[in-house]
N, C-alpha and C. Protein backbone atom coordinates (compact mmCIF):
# COMPACT_ATOMS: atom_id res chain seq x y z
N MET A 1 55.70 -39.36 86.84
CA MET A 1 53.95 -38.98 87.11
C MET A 1 53.15 -38.08 85.33
N ASN A 2 52.77 -39.34 85.02
CA ASN A 2 52.19 -38.41 83.87
C ASN A 2 51.27 -37.81 83.99
N LEU A 3 51.67 -36.32 83.92
CA LEU A 3 50.09 -35.93 84.11
C LEU A 3 49.67 -34.93 82.96
N LYS A 4 49.52 -35.48 81.93
CA LYS A 4 48.92 -35.28 80.85
C LYS A 4 47.65 -36.59 81.23
N LEU A 5 48.17 -37.39 81.63
CA LEU A 5 46.79 -38.53 81.82
C LEU A 5 45.98 -38.20 83.18
N LEU A 6 46.76 -37.98 83.76
CA LEU A 6 46.38 -37.60 85.53
C LEU A 6 45.14 -36.54 84.86
N ASN A 7 45.51 -35.21 84.43
CA ASN A 7 44.92 -33.96 83.96
C ASN A 7 43.32 -34.68 83.26
N GLU A 8 43.72 -35.35 81.94
CA GLU A 8 42.48 -36.06 81.53
C GLU A 8 41.30 -37.20 82.68
N VAL A 9 41.89 -37.66 83.16
CA VAL A 9 40.86 -38.80 84.08
C VAL A 9 40.58 -37.85 85.17
N THR A 10 41.39 -36.69 85.75
CA THR A 10 40.05 -36.14 86.54
C THR A 10 39.77 -35.27 86.32
N ALA A 11 39.37 -34.72 84.67
CA ALA A 11 38.74 -33.72 84.17
C ALA A 11 37.06 -34.55 83.76
N PHE A 12 37.63 -35.86 83.41
CA PHE A 12 36.54 -36.89 83.18
C PHE A 12 36.20 -37.41 84.39
N ILE A 13 36.27 -38.06 85.48
CA ILE A 13 35.50 -37.60 86.71
C ILE A 13 34.89 -36.83 87.26
N TRP A 14 35.73 -35.20 87.37
CA TRP A 14 35.09 -34.04 87.37
C TRP A 14 33.72 -34.18 86.79
N GLN A 15 33.54 -34.74 85.47
CA GLN A 15 32.54 -34.52 84.49
C GLN A 15 31.39 -35.14 85.29
N GLU A 16 31.69 -36.82 85.49
CA GLU A 16 30.88 -37.92 85.46
C GLU A 16 30.32 -36.95 86.72
N GLY A 17 31.34 -36.17 87.68
CA GLY A 17 30.61 -36.13 89.29
C GLY A 17 29.42 -34.95 89.24
N ASP A 18 29.73 -34.13 88.64
CA ASP A 18 28.78 -32.75 87.95
C ASP A 18 27.51 -33.00 86.93
N MET A 19 27.90 -34.25 86.31
CA MET A 19 26.44 -34.53 85.82
C MET A 19 25.21 -35.52 87.12
N LEU A 20 26.35 -36.39 87.73
CA LEU A 20 25.01 -36.50 89.01
C LEU A 20 24.80 -35.74 89.95
N ASP A 21 25.77 -34.77 90.18
CA ASP A 21 24.68 -33.85 90.76
C ASP A 21 23.22 -33.05 90.17
N HIS A 22 24.02 -32.78 88.72
CA HIS A 22 23.15 -31.48 88.36
C HIS A 22 21.89 -32.85 87.53
N GLY A 23 21.68 -33.96 88.30
CA GLY A 23 20.87 -34.76 87.49
C GLY A 23 20.96 -35.70 85.97
N GLU A 24 21.80 -34.89 85.55
CA GLU A 24 22.03 -35.61 83.70
C GLU A 24 22.44 -37.19 83.91
N PHE A 25 21.19 -37.81 84.33
CA PHE A 25 21.06 -39.09 84.60
C PHE A 25 21.45 -40.10 83.05
N GLU A 26 20.65 -39.75 81.86
CA GLU A 26 20.77 -39.97 80.34
C GLU A 26 22.41 -39.71 80.01
N ASN A 27 23.27 -38.95 79.74
CA ASN A 27 24.03 -38.55 79.74
C ASN A 27 24.97 -39.69 80.82
N TRP A 28 24.46 -39.34 82.15
CA TRP A 28 25.86 -40.33 82.76
C TRP A 28 25.70 -41.98 82.52
N LEU A 29 24.58 -42.23 81.84
CA LEU A 29 24.62 -43.63 81.42
C LEU A 29 25.46 -43.74 80.32
N SER A 30 25.73 -42.99 79.25
CA SER A 30 26.53 -43.04 78.22
C SER A 30 28.08 -42.97 78.78
N LEU A 31 28.25 -42.51 79.96
CA LEU A 31 30.12 -42.90 80.49
C LEU A 31 30.32 -44.38 80.27
N TRP A 32 29.46 -45.06 80.18
CA TRP A 32 30.04 -46.13 80.80
C TRP A 32 29.95 -46.93 79.41
N SER A 33 30.86 -48.27 79.52
CA SER A 33 31.43 -49.37 78.61
C SER A 33 29.64 -50.30 79.11
N GLY A 34 29.48 -50.73 77.86
CA GLY A 34 28.17 -51.63 78.11
C GLY A 34 28.90 -53.24 78.76
N LYS A 35 29.91 -53.61 79.67
CA LYS A 35 30.07 -54.77 80.35
C LYS A 35 30.42 -53.88 81.92
N GLY A 36 30.85 -52.54 81.45
CA GLY A 36 30.63 -52.10 83.16
C GLY A 36 29.77 -52.26 84.37
N THR A 37 30.53 -52.54 85.46
CA THR A 37 30.19 -52.57 87.03
C THR A 37 30.39 -51.85 87.63
N TYR A 38 29.35 -51.15 88.13
CA TYR A 38 28.87 -49.96 89.63
C TYR A 38 29.17 -50.74 90.81
N VAL A 39 29.82 -50.87 91.84
CA VAL A 39 29.49 -51.56 93.24
C VAL A 39 30.10 -51.03 94.41
N ILE A 40 29.08 -50.79 95.06
CA ILE A 40 29.54 -50.84 96.58
C ILE A 40 29.26 -51.77 97.45
N PRO A 41 30.62 -52.37 97.86
CA PRO A 41 30.14 -53.20 98.75
C PRO A 41 30.23 -52.61 100.19
N ILE A 42 29.05 -53.94 100.95
CA ILE A 42 29.31 -53.35 102.28
C ILE A 42 30.19 -53.41 103.17
N ASP A 43 31.43 -54.97 102.84
CA ASP A 43 32.16 -55.37 103.75
C ASP A 43 33.12 -54.57 103.12
N PRO A 44 34.33 -53.03 103.90
CA PRO A 44 34.73 -52.51 103.41
C PRO A 44 36.63 -53.20 102.47
N LYS A 45 36.99 -54.37 103.02
CA LYS A 45 38.45 -55.16 102.85
C LYS A 45 37.24 -56.56 101.85
N GLU A 46 36.16 -56.21 101.28
CA GLU A 46 36.00 -57.45 100.32
C GLU A 46 36.78 -57.13 99.08
N GLN A 47 37.18 -57.78 98.11
CA GLN A 47 37.18 -58.30 97.33
C GLN A 47 36.35 -59.20 96.51
N ASP A 48 36.15 -59.82 96.69
CA ASP A 48 35.16 -60.40 95.73
C ASP A 48 33.63 -60.09 95.41
N PHE A 49 33.15 -59.47 94.81
CA PHE A 49 31.90 -58.49 94.68
C PHE A 49 31.16 -59.69 94.30
N GLU A 50 31.19 -60.63 93.78
CA GLU A 50 30.34 -61.13 92.63
C GLU A 50 29.66 -62.06 93.66
N ASN A 51 30.12 -62.60 94.78
CA ASN A 51 29.76 -63.61 95.87
C ASN A 51 29.68 -62.66 96.71
N SER A 52 29.27 -61.61 96.93
CA SER A 52 29.25 -61.23 98.10
C SER A 52 28.83 -59.67 98.69
N LEU A 53 27.58 -60.14 99.42
CA LEU A 53 26.78 -58.63 99.60
C LEU A 53 27.10 -57.59 99.33
N ASN A 54 26.39 -56.07 98.77
CA ASN A 54 26.75 -55.22 97.91
C ASN A 54 25.87 -54.40 98.29
N TYR A 55 25.84 -53.50 98.64
CA TYR A 55 25.03 -51.73 98.53
C TYR A 55 24.16 -52.13 97.34
N ALA A 56 25.11 -51.82 96.08
CA ALA A 56 25.19 -51.97 94.64
C ALA A 56 26.26 -52.45 93.86
N TYR A 57 25.38 -53.32 92.94
CA TYR A 57 26.44 -54.58 92.03
C TYR A 57 25.91 -54.32 90.43
N ASP A 58 25.77 -52.94 89.70
CA ASP A 58 24.94 -53.10 88.85
C ASP A 58 25.75 -53.02 87.64
N ASP A 59 24.66 -53.77 86.89
CA ASP A 59 25.94 -54.10 85.03
C ASP A 59 24.80 -52.55 84.40
N HIS A 60 24.73 -53.08 82.83
CA HIS A 60 24.27 -51.99 82.07
C HIS A 60 22.52 -52.06 82.69
N HIS A 61 22.32 -53.10 82.85
CA HIS A 61 20.20 -53.37 82.87
C HIS A 61 20.60 -52.28 84.44
N MET A 62 21.21 -52.60 85.01
CA MET A 62 20.75 -52.50 86.69
C MET A 62 20.80 -51.34 86.83
N ARG A 63 21.84 -50.36 86.29
CA ARG A 63 22.25 -48.78 86.55
C ARG A 63 20.64 -48.33 85.28
N GLU A 64 20.53 -48.71 84.31
CA GLU A 64 18.98 -48.51 83.48
C GLU A 64 17.83 -47.79 84.34
N LEU A 65 17.52 -49.14 84.92
CA LEU A 65 16.58 -49.56 86.25
C LEU A 65 16.79 -48.40 87.57
N ARG A 66 18.63 -47.98 88.09
CA ARG A 66 18.50 -47.46 89.30
C ARG A 66 18.22 -45.79 88.20
N VAL A 67 18.55 -45.67 87.10
CA VAL A 67 18.09 -43.97 87.06
C VAL A 67 16.83 -44.32 86.94
N GLN A 68 15.77 -45.10 86.11
CA GLN A 68 14.43 -45.00 86.19
C GLN A 68 13.80 -44.73 87.73
N ARG A 69 14.54 -45.22 88.77
CA ARG A 69 13.76 -45.21 90.03
C ARG A 69 13.84 -43.61 90.46
N LEU A 70 15.00 -43.19 90.20
CA LEU A 70 15.54 -42.31 90.56
C LEU A 70 14.64 -40.85 89.67
N THR A 71 14.50 -41.27 88.47
CA THR A 71 13.50 -40.07 87.97
C THR A 71 12.03 -40.94 86.94
N GLY A 72 11.80 -41.38 88.41
CA GLY A 72 10.41 -42.11 87.80
C GLY A 72 9.09 -41.20 88.71
N GLY A 73 9.76 -40.97 90.26
CA GLY A 73 9.30 -40.25 91.12
C GLY A 73 8.24 -41.59 91.82
N GLU A 74 8.36 -42.77 91.24
CA GLU A 74 7.37 -43.71 92.12
C GLU A 74 8.25 -44.43 93.49
N SER A 75 9.20 -43.66 93.57
CA SER A 75 10.49 -44.75 94.74
C SER A 75 10.40 -44.11 95.95
N ILE A 76 10.02 -44.39 97.17
CA ILE A 76 9.89 -43.56 98.12
C ILE A 76 11.23 -42.77 98.69
N SER A 77 12.00 -43.69 98.31
CA SER A 77 13.61 -43.89 98.70
C SER A 77 14.15 -42.05 97.66
N THR A 78 13.32 -41.95 96.61
CA THR A 78 13.89 -41.10 96.05
C THR A 78 13.21 -39.53 95.55
N SER A 79 11.94 -39.76 96.87
CA SER A 79 10.87 -38.76 96.31
C SER A 79 10.65 -37.99 97.64
N PRO A 80 10.85 -37.06 97.91
CA PRO A 80 11.34 -36.03 96.97
C PRO A 80 12.46 -36.46 96.88
N GLN A 81 13.25 -36.00 95.40
CA GLN A 81 14.46 -36.57 94.53
C GLN A 81 15.84 -35.67 95.39
N PRO A 82 16.50 -36.18 96.06
CA PRO A 82 17.98 -35.53 96.64
C PRO A 82 18.45 -34.39 95.97
N ARG A 83 19.07 -33.39 96.30
CA ARG A 83 20.33 -32.46 95.89
C ARG A 83 21.45 -32.85 96.82
N THR A 84 22.62 -33.32 95.88
CA THR A 84 23.46 -33.78 95.83
C THR A 84 24.52 -32.43 95.65
N VAL A 85 25.76 -32.40 96.41
CA VAL A 85 26.91 -31.70 95.63
C VAL A 85 28.12 -32.72 96.43
N ARG A 86 28.73 -32.81 95.18
CA ARG A 86 30.50 -33.64 95.73
C ARG A 86 31.57 -33.64 95.24
N THR A 87 32.01 -33.73 95.99
CA THR A 87 33.78 -32.93 96.20
C THR A 87 34.57 -34.59 96.16
N LEU A 88 35.24 -34.05 94.48
CA LEU A 88 36.26 -35.48 94.38
C LEU A 88 37.32 -35.46 94.56
N SER A 89 38.86 -35.68 94.89
CA SER A 89 39.56 -35.37 95.40
C SER A 89 40.98 -36.35 95.09
N ARG A 90 42.24 -35.69 95.55
CA ARG A 90 43.58 -37.25 95.75
C ARG A 90 42.96 -38.06 94.43
N PHE A 91 43.42 -37.75 93.46
CA PHE A 91 43.59 -38.66 92.21
C PHE A 91 44.77 -38.65 92.35
N ARG A 92 44.70 -40.43 92.30
CA ARG A 92 46.03 -41.22 91.91
C ARG A 92 45.96 -42.34 90.57
N VAL A 93 46.76 -42.14 89.15
CA VAL A 93 47.05 -43.34 88.64
C VAL A 93 47.46 -44.78 89.33
N LEU A 94 46.77 -45.08 89.18
CA LEU A 94 47.45 -46.95 89.76
C LEU A 94 47.98 -47.49 89.11
N SER A 95 47.25 -47.36 88.05
CA SER A 95 48.54 -48.20 86.94
C SER A 95 47.97 -47.50 85.09
N GLU A 96 48.57 -47.67 84.31
CA GLU A 96 47.70 -47.83 82.74
C GLU A 96 48.67 -48.65 81.87
N ARG A 97 47.66 -49.51 81.37
CA ARG A 97 47.92 -50.42 80.41
C ARG A 97 47.69 -50.34 79.32
N GLY A 98 48.05 -49.97 78.38
CA GLY A 98 47.54 -50.10 77.11
C GLY A 98 46.36 -48.93 76.88
N ALA A 99 45.48 -49.80 76.80
CA ALA A 99 43.92 -48.49 76.80
C ALA A 99 43.82 -48.69 78.01
N ASN A 100 44.01 -49.18 78.88
CA ASN A 100 43.39 -49.41 80.09
C ASN A 100 43.88 -48.24 81.10
N VAL A 101 42.82 -48.01 81.89
CA VAL A 101 43.48 -46.32 83.34
C VAL A 101 43.22 -46.78 84.58
N THR A 102 43.84 -47.31 85.28
CA THR A 102 43.01 -47.07 86.47
C THR A 102 43.37 -46.22 87.38
N VAL A 103 42.55 -45.43 88.45
CA VAL A 103 42.59 -44.05 88.89
C VAL A 103 41.51 -44.09 90.48
N ARG A 104 42.71 -43.59 91.17
CA ARG A 104 42.08 -44.03 92.72
C ARG A 104 41.62 -42.22 93.22
N CYS A 105 40.12 -42.26 93.94
CA CYS A 105 40.54 -41.13 94.33
C CYS A 105 39.17 -40.94 95.38
N ALA A 106 39.09 -39.89 95.74
CA ALA A 106 38.55 -39.37 97.31
C ALA A 106 37.18 -38.81 96.59
N GLN A 107 36.33 -38.80 97.58
CA GLN A 107 34.37 -38.70 97.45
C GLN A 107 34.13 -38.15 98.78
N ASN A 108 33.73 -36.76 98.66
CA ASN A 108 32.36 -36.57 99.69
C ASN A 108 31.61 -36.13 99.51
N VAL A 109 30.77 -36.89 99.26
CA VAL A 109 28.71 -36.51 99.20
C VAL A 109 28.13 -35.30 100.30
N ARG A 110 27.45 -34.11 99.66
CA ARG A 110 26.62 -34.25 100.59
C ARG A 110 25.14 -34.10 100.12
N GLU A 111 24.14 -34.78 100.84
CA GLU A 111 22.74 -34.74 100.49
C GLU A 111 22.06 -34.03 101.23
N PHE A 112 21.38 -33.01 100.34
CA PHE A 112 19.85 -32.75 101.40
C PHE A 112 18.87 -33.58 100.40
N ARG A 113 17.48 -33.64 101.69
CA ARG A 113 17.11 -34.18 101.69
C ARG A 113 16.19 -34.00 103.07
N LYS A 114 14.47 -33.42 102.42
CA LYS A 114 13.42 -33.62 103.63
C LYS A 114 14.03 -33.07 104.76
N GLU A 115 14.17 -31.92 104.48
CA GLU A 115 14.84 -31.37 105.61
C GLU A 115 16.79 -31.71 106.61
N SER A 116 17.27 -32.33 105.50
CA SER A 116 18.31 -33.31 106.30
C SER A 116 19.34 -33.39 105.35
N LEU A 117 20.60 -33.11 106.58
CA LEU A 117 22.01 -32.84 105.08
C LEU A 117 22.46 -33.68 106.11
N LYS A 118 22.73 -34.83 104.70
CA LYS A 118 23.71 -35.79 105.22
C LYS A 118 25.23 -35.83 104.48
N HIS A 119 26.27 -36.51 105.02
CA HIS A 119 27.68 -36.96 104.17
C HIS A 119 28.03 -37.92 104.05
N TYR A 120 28.63 -38.18 103.05
CA TYR A 120 29.03 -39.55 102.87
C TYR A 120 30.90 -39.50 102.14
N SER A 121 31.73 -40.15 102.83
CA SER A 121 33.06 -40.14 102.32
C SER A 121 33.16 -41.37 101.50
N ALA A 122 34.44 -41.47 100.84
CA ALA A 122 34.16 -42.76 99.79
C ALA A 122 35.52 -42.75 99.37
N ASP A 123 36.46 -43.82 99.32
CA ASP A 123 37.69 -44.23 98.39
C ASP A 123 36.66 -45.11 96.99
N ILE A 124 37.51 -44.25 95.93
CA ILE A 124 36.70 -45.19 94.91
C ILE A 124 37.60 -45.09 94.05
N VAL A 125 37.90 -45.91 93.21
CA VAL A 125 38.32 -46.35 92.18
C VAL A 125 38.37 -46.65 90.80
N TYR A 126 38.01 -46.28 89.67
CA TYR A 126 38.02 -46.10 88.62
C TYR A 126 38.61 -47.08 87.85
N GLU A 127 38.33 -48.01 86.76
CA GLU A 127 38.60 -48.66 86.03
C GLU A 127 38.23 -48.07 84.24
N LEU A 128 39.11 -47.51 83.92
CA LEU A 128 38.30 -47.23 82.36
C LEU A 128 39.43 -47.67 81.75
N GLU A 129 38.80 -47.42 80.24
CA GLU A 129 39.04 -47.23 78.97
C GLU A 129 39.24 -46.60 78.02
N ARG A 130 40.42 -45.75 77.29
CA ARG A 130 40.30 -45.31 76.34
C ARG A 130 39.40 -45.57 75.20
N ASP A 131 38.45 -44.25 74.79
CA ASP A 131 37.42 -44.30 73.95
C ASP A 131 37.55 -42.97 72.89
N GLY A 132 38.25 -43.54 72.26
CA GLY A 132 38.49 -41.71 71.30
C GLY A 132 39.25 -40.89 72.20
N ASP A 133 38.60 -39.46 72.12
CA ASP A 133 39.52 -38.78 73.13
C ASP A 133 38.94 -38.84 74.64
N GLY A 134 38.43 -39.97 74.86
CA GLY A 134 37.74 -39.78 76.46
C GLY A 134 38.05 -41.06 76.57
N PHE A 135 37.03 -41.23 77.38
CA PHE A 135 37.29 -43.09 78.17
C PHE A 135 35.46 -43.52 79.06
N LYS A 136 35.82 -45.15 79.36
CA LYS A 136 33.97 -45.42 78.81
C LYS A 136 34.54 -45.83 80.48
N ILE A 137 33.56 -46.03 81.77
CA ILE A 137 33.67 -46.89 82.94
C ILE A 137 33.93 -47.81 82.32
N GLN A 138 34.65 -48.96 83.12
CA GLN A 138 34.76 -50.66 82.92
C GLN A 138 34.33 -50.79 84.22
N ARG A 139 34.95 -49.90 85.27
CA ARG A 139 34.18 -50.93 86.70
C ARG A 139 34.35 -49.30 87.30
N LYS A 140 33.30 -48.79 88.75
CA LYS A 140 33.95 -47.77 89.22
C LYS A 140 33.24 -48.71 90.75
N LEU A 141 34.43 -48.40 92.03
CA LEU A 141 33.91 -48.98 92.86
C LEU A 141 33.94 -48.20 93.90
N ILE A 142 33.08 -48.34 94.83
CA ILE A 142 33.09 -46.80 95.37
C ILE A 142 32.61 -47.53 97.37
N ARG A 143 34.26 -47.38 97.97
CA ARG A 143 33.92 -47.74 98.90
C ARG A 143 34.11 -46.55 100.31
N LEU A 144 32.68 -46.95 100.55
CA LEU A 144 32.66 -46.14 101.93
C LEU A 144 33.03 -46.59 102.49
N ILE A 145 33.71 -45.04 103.39
CA ILE A 145 34.17 -45.35 104.91
C ILE A 145 33.63 -45.59 105.50
N ASN A 146 32.45 -45.74 106.00
CA ASN A 146 31.26 -46.59 106.93
C ASN A 146 30.60 -47.44 107.13
N ALA A 147 31.35 -48.69 105.44
CA ALA A 147 30.27 -49.50 105.36
C ALA A 147 29.98 -49.98 105.71
N ASP A 148 30.45 -50.94 106.39
CA ASP A 148 29.77 -51.46 107.28
C ASP A 148 29.29 -51.22 109.20
N ASP A 149 29.03 -49.77 108.72
CA ASP A 149 27.96 -49.37 110.10
C ASP A 149 26.55 -49.16 108.87
N THR A 150 25.53 -48.61 110.70
CA THR A 150 24.27 -48.70 110.13
C THR A 150 23.95 -47.50 108.96
N LEU A 151 23.61 -47.66 108.23
CA LEU A 151 23.36 -46.32 106.80
C LEU A 151 21.80 -46.10 106.22
N ALA A 152 21.42 -44.67 106.44
CA ALA A 152 20.22 -44.36 105.95
C ALA A 152 20.19 -44.46 104.59
N GLY A 153 18.75 -44.70 103.81
CA GLY A 153 18.92 -45.01 102.66
C GLY A 153 19.54 -44.33 101.72
N ILE A 154 20.60 -44.49 101.02
CA ILE A 154 21.10 -43.72 99.99
C ILE A 154 20.21 -43.51 98.19
N GLY A 155 18.94 -42.64 98.16
CA GLY A 155 18.87 -42.53 97.49
C GLY A 155 19.20 -41.71 95.86
N TYR A 156 20.05 -42.01 95.74
CA TYR A 156 20.55 -40.77 94.62
C TYR A 156 22.09 -42.18 94.25
N ILE A 157 23.02 -42.20 92.95
CA ILE A 157 24.02 -42.37 92.63
C ILE A 157 25.18 -41.72 93.03
N LEU A 158 25.88 -42.78 93.86
CA LEU A 158 27.14 -42.10 94.28
C LEU A 158 28.26 -41.95 93.53
């Protein structure tokens, strides 16, 4: 086990989660490669995300629009803006090929909005590419454990 690499990717992913919880969305956008994809499939076993229905399948442009909706105050699903706290754990480097690293971890998100506290759990797979001393996200695949159940509107970025 490469503990140095595990520590590097863990710190990067924790930083991303902290940015999201504290509304640093412009900084969050800078963590992505230009061709990176943000995917939340509806079917927990789905592999063909381009040809299936997803809660989210965002490229660069769609991530920017998602941030605009979150911060613009014009979307009913994001007004008032939810407060979130996420816990990321159980990090495992699945592969390392040159500059590319694939990492799987668990995420639990608590969302408070309109006097209601909700909880979402997911397995996340990050495909990262080295970028200088850090990484850029090539793909973030979020597999909600209850994705095929009825979900309330999620008005923030998982």
